[in-house]
Amino acid sequence: MVPENPSNAVTALRCPASNAKAIIERAKTGYGMWLCPNGGALCDEVFRIGHIGAITEEDNDRLIDCLTSLSAEGLF
C-alpha cells in the first residue's frame, strides 16, 4: 500500500509489474468494477480503491473476487 499514512476514503495499491492501467481496464470490462487510476509519475504503478458511500458487504466480496481473479490471471 501507498502512502505510509493512507486516506480514510481510498486505498492506494502498488503494482509490482507496473500494469495499473491494465488492472483498471480488466476490472471494468471483466467484472464491472471501477477502480481509480493514479496520475503523475506513478500512473503505471498505482491504482486506488474508493471506499466511501453506501458500500455493502456484497460490494466488498465482489471486489475481493475481482482482485483475486486478476491476481490468478497474473496481473499482480
N, C-alpha and C. Protein backbone atom coordinates (compact mmCIF):
# COMPACT_ATOMS: atom_id res chain seq x y z
N MET A 1 0.84 -1.19 0.00
CA MET A 1 0.00 0.00 0.00
C MET A 1 0.88 1.24 0.00
N VAL A 2 0.35 2.28 -0.57
CA VAL A 2 0.98 3.60 -0.52
C VAL A 2 -0.11 4.61 -0.23
N PRO A 3 0.14 5.66 0.41
CA PRO A 3 1.35 6.10 1.11
C PRO A 3 1.43 5.50 2.50
N GLU A 4 2.40 5.96 3.26
CA GLU A 4 2.56 5.47 4.63
C GLU A 4 1.37 5.84 5.51
N ASN A 5 0.77 7.00 5.27
CA ASN A 5 -0.40 7.46 6.02
C ASN A 5 -1.61 7.48 5.08
N PRO A 6 -2.29 6.35 4.94
CA PRO A 6 -3.37 6.25 3.95
C PRO A 6 -4.59 7.09 4.30
N SER A 7 -5.33 7.40 3.26
CA SER A 7 -6.58 8.15 3.38
C SER A 7 -7.67 7.27 3.97
N ASN A 8 -8.69 7.89 4.54
CA ASN A 8 -9.86 7.15 5.00
C ASN A 8 -10.83 6.87 3.87
N ALA A 9 -10.66 7.52 2.72
CA ALA A 9 -11.63 7.42 1.62
C ALA A 9 -11.17 6.51 0.48
N VAL A 10 -9.87 6.33 0.33
CA VAL A 10 -9.36 5.47 -0.74
C VAL A 10 -8.16 4.68 -0.23
N THR A 11 -7.93 3.54 -0.86
CA THR A 11 -6.74 2.73 -0.59
C THR A 11 -5.94 2.68 -1.87
N ALA A 12 -4.68 3.06 -1.80
CA ALA A 12 -3.80 3.03 -2.96
C ALA A 12 -2.99 1.74 -2.93
N LEU A 13 -2.97 1.04 -4.05
CA LEU A 13 -2.22 -0.21 -4.15
C LEU A 13 -1.16 -0.08 -5.23
N ARG A 14 0.03 -0.55 -4.94
CA ARG A 14 1.14 -0.51 -5.90
C ARG A 14 1.20 -1.84 -6.65
N CYS A 15 1.42 -1.75 -7.95
CA CYS A 15 1.51 -2.92 -8.83
C CYS A 15 2.98 -3.19 -9.16
N PRO A 16 3.54 -4.27 -8.68
CA PRO A 16 4.96 -4.53 -8.92
C PRO A 16 5.31 -4.61 -10.40
N ALA A 17 4.39 -5.04 -11.24
CA ALA A 17 4.67 -5.20 -12.67
C ALA A 17 4.38 -3.92 -13.46
N SER A 18 4.07 -2.83 -12.78
CA SER A 18 3.77 -1.55 -13.44
C SER A 18 2.67 -1.67 -14.48
N ASN A 19 1.59 -2.35 -14.12
CA ASN A 19 0.48 -2.55 -15.04
C ASN A 19 -0.84 -2.09 -14.44
N ALA A 20 -0.82 -1.00 -13.71
CA ALA A 20 -2.03 -0.50 -13.07
C ALA A 20 -3.14 -0.23 -14.09
N LYS A 21 -2.78 0.32 -15.23
CA LYS A 21 -3.79 0.63 -16.25
C LYS A 21 -4.47 -0.64 -16.74
N ALA A 22 -3.72 -1.72 -16.91
CA ALA A 22 -4.30 -2.99 -17.35
C ALA A 22 -5.24 -3.55 -16.30
N ILE A 23 -4.88 -3.43 -15.04
CA ILE A 23 -5.73 -3.90 -13.94
C ILE A 23 -7.03 -3.11 -13.92
N ILE A 24 -6.94 -1.79 -14.05
CA ILE A 24 -8.13 -0.95 -14.04
C ILE A 24 -9.06 -1.33 -15.19
N GLU A 25 -8.51 -1.48 -16.38
CA GLU A 25 -9.32 -1.81 -17.56
C GLU A 25 -9.95 -3.19 -17.43
N ARG A 26 -9.19 -4.17 -16.97
CA ARG A 26 -9.70 -5.54 -16.84
C ARG A 26 -10.78 -5.62 -15.76
N ALA A 27 -10.60 -4.89 -14.67
CA ALA A 27 -11.62 -4.87 -13.61
C ALA A 27 -12.92 -4.28 -14.15
N LYS A 28 -12.81 -3.24 -14.97
CA LYS A 28 -14.00 -2.59 -15.53
C LYS A 28 -14.70 -3.49 -16.54
N THR A 29 -13.95 -4.01 -17.50
CA THR A 29 -14.58 -4.78 -18.59
C THR A 29 -14.97 -6.19 -18.17
N GLY A 30 -14.19 -6.80 -17.30
CA GLY A 30 -14.47 -8.18 -16.93
C GLY A 30 -15.32 -8.36 -15.69
N TYR A 31 -15.35 -7.34 -14.83
CA TYR A 31 -16.01 -7.51 -13.54
C TYR A 31 -16.97 -6.37 -13.18
N GLY A 32 -17.06 -5.35 -14.03
CA GLY A 32 -17.93 -4.23 -13.74
C GLY A 32 -17.49 -3.42 -12.54
N MET A 33 -16.21 -3.48 -12.21
CA MET A 33 -15.66 -2.75 -11.06
C MET A 33 -14.91 -1.53 -11.58
N TRP A 34 -15.16 -0.39 -10.98
CA TRP A 34 -14.49 0.85 -11.37
C TRP A 34 -13.44 1.17 -10.33
N LEU A 35 -12.18 0.97 -10.70
CA LEU A 35 -11.06 1.33 -9.84
C LEU A 35 -10.53 2.68 -10.31
N CYS A 36 -9.85 3.38 -9.45
CA CYS A 36 -9.40 4.74 -9.75
C CYS A 36 -7.94 4.74 -10.19
N PRO A 37 -7.67 5.36 -11.33
CA PRO A 37 -6.27 5.47 -11.76
C PRO A 37 -5.52 6.50 -10.92
N ASN A 38 -4.24 6.35 -10.87
CA ASN A 38 -3.38 7.33 -10.23
C ASN A 38 -2.80 8.21 -11.33
N GLY A 39 -2.51 9.43 -11.03
CA GLY A 39 -1.92 10.32 -12.02
C GLY A 39 -0.43 10.47 -11.80
N GLY A 40 0.18 11.25 -12.64
CA GLY A 40 1.59 11.61 -12.48
C GLY A 40 2.55 10.47 -12.71
N ALA A 41 3.68 10.56 -12.05
CA ALA A 41 4.78 9.62 -12.25
C ALA A 41 4.42 8.18 -11.86
N LEU A 42 3.41 8.01 -11.02
CA LEU A 42 3.04 6.66 -10.57
C LEU A 42 1.83 6.09 -11.31
N CYS A 43 1.46 6.68 -12.44
CA CYS A 43 0.23 6.25 -13.13
C CYS A 43 0.27 4.79 -13.59
N ASP A 44 1.44 4.24 -13.85
CA ASP A 44 1.53 2.85 -14.27
C ASP A 44 1.72 1.90 -13.09
N GLU A 45 2.03 2.44 -11.93
CA GLU A 45 2.35 1.60 -10.78
C GLU A 45 1.28 1.54 -9.70
N VAL A 46 0.38 2.53 -9.68
CA VAL A 46 -0.56 2.64 -8.56
C VAL A 46 -1.98 2.80 -9.07
N PHE A 47 -2.92 2.10 -8.43
CA PHE A 47 -4.34 2.37 -8.61
C PHE A 47 -4.97 2.48 -7.24
N ARG A 48 -6.16 3.06 -7.21
CA ARG A 48 -6.82 3.32 -5.93
C ARG A 48 -8.19 2.67 -5.90
N ILE A 49 -8.58 2.26 -4.72
CA ILE A 49 -9.90 1.67 -4.49
C ILE A 49 -10.64 2.61 -3.54
N GLY A 50 -11.75 3.16 -4.01
CA GLY A 50 -12.56 4.04 -3.19
C GLY A 50 -13.42 3.24 -2.23
N HIS A 51 -13.57 3.74 -1.03
CA HIS A 51 -14.44 3.08 -0.05
C HIS A 51 -15.17 4.13 0.76
N ILE A 52 -15.97 4.89 0.02
CA ILE A 52 -16.76 5.94 0.64
C ILE A 52 -18.18 5.82 0.09
N GLY A 53 -19.14 6.04 0.91
CA GLY A 53 -20.53 5.93 0.47
C GLY A 53 -21.19 4.67 1.01
N ALA A 54 -22.25 4.26 0.36
CA ALA A 54 -23.06 3.13 0.81
C ALA A 54 -22.50 1.83 0.24
N ILE A 55 -21.35 1.42 0.73
CA ILE A 55 -20.71 0.18 0.28
C ILE A 55 -21.17 -0.95 1.19
N THR A 56 -21.61 -2.02 0.56
CA THR A 56 -22.14 -3.15 1.30
C THR A 56 -21.09 -4.26 1.43
N GLU A 57 -21.39 -5.22 2.26
CA GLU A 57 -20.52 -6.39 2.39
C GLU A 57 -20.45 -7.12 1.04
N GLU A 58 -21.55 -7.16 0.32
CA GLU A 58 -21.57 -7.78 -1.01
C GLU A 58 -20.63 -7.05 -1.97
N ASP A 59 -20.60 -5.72 -1.90
CA ASP A 59 -19.67 -4.94 -2.73
C ASP A 59 -18.23 -5.33 -2.41
N ASN A 60 -17.92 -5.45 -1.15
CA ASN A 60 -16.56 -5.84 -0.74
C ASN A 60 -16.23 -7.25 -1.21
N ASP A 61 -17.19 -8.15 -1.14
CA ASP A 61 -16.98 -9.52 -1.62
C ASP A 61 -16.71 -9.53 -3.12
N ARG A 62 -17.44 -8.71 -3.88
CA ARG A 62 -17.22 -8.61 -5.33
C ARG A 62 -15.83 -8.07 -5.64
N LEU A 63 -15.40 -7.08 -4.87
CA LEU A 63 -14.06 -6.52 -5.06
C LEU A 63 -12.99 -7.57 -4.77
N ILE A 64 -13.14 -8.28 -3.69
CA ILE A 64 -12.17 -9.33 -3.34
C ILE A 64 -12.14 -10.39 -4.43
N ASP A 65 -13.29 -10.81 -4.93
CA ASP A 65 -13.34 -11.79 -6.01
C ASP A 65 -12.64 -11.27 -7.26
N CYS A 66 -12.88 -10.01 -7.59
CA CYS A 66 -12.26 -9.37 -8.74
C CYS A 66 -10.74 -9.37 -8.59
N LEU A 67 -10.24 -8.87 -7.48
CA LEU A 67 -8.79 -8.78 -7.28
C LEU A 67 -8.14 -10.15 -7.20
N THR A 68 -8.83 -11.11 -6.61
CA THR A 68 -8.31 -12.48 -6.54
C THR A 68 -8.19 -13.06 -7.94
N SER A 69 -9.22 -12.85 -8.76
CA SER A 69 -9.19 -13.34 -10.13
C SER A 69 -8.10 -12.67 -10.96
N LEU A 70 -7.95 -11.36 -10.80
CA LEU A 70 -6.91 -10.65 -11.53
C LEU A 70 -5.52 -11.13 -11.11
N SER A 71 -5.38 -11.46 -9.85
CA SER A 71 -4.11 -12.00 -9.37
C SER A 71 -3.86 -13.37 -10.00
N ALA A 72 -4.90 -14.20 -10.06
CA ALA A 72 -4.76 -15.53 -10.66
C ALA A 72 -4.44 -15.43 -12.15
N GLU A 73 -4.89 -14.34 -12.80
CA GLU A 73 -4.57 -14.12 -14.21
C GLU A 73 -3.14 -13.60 -14.38
N GLY A 74 -2.46 -13.31 -13.29
CA GLY A 74 -1.09 -12.84 -13.33
C GLY A 74 -0.93 -11.35 -13.47
N LEU A 75 -2.02 -10.58 -13.26
CA LEU A 75 -1.90 -9.14 -13.39
C LEU A 75 -1.22 -8.48 -12.20
N PHE A 76 -1.22 -9.15 -11.05
CA PHE A 76 -0.42 -8.68 -9.90
C PHE A 76 -0.36 -9.72 -8.83
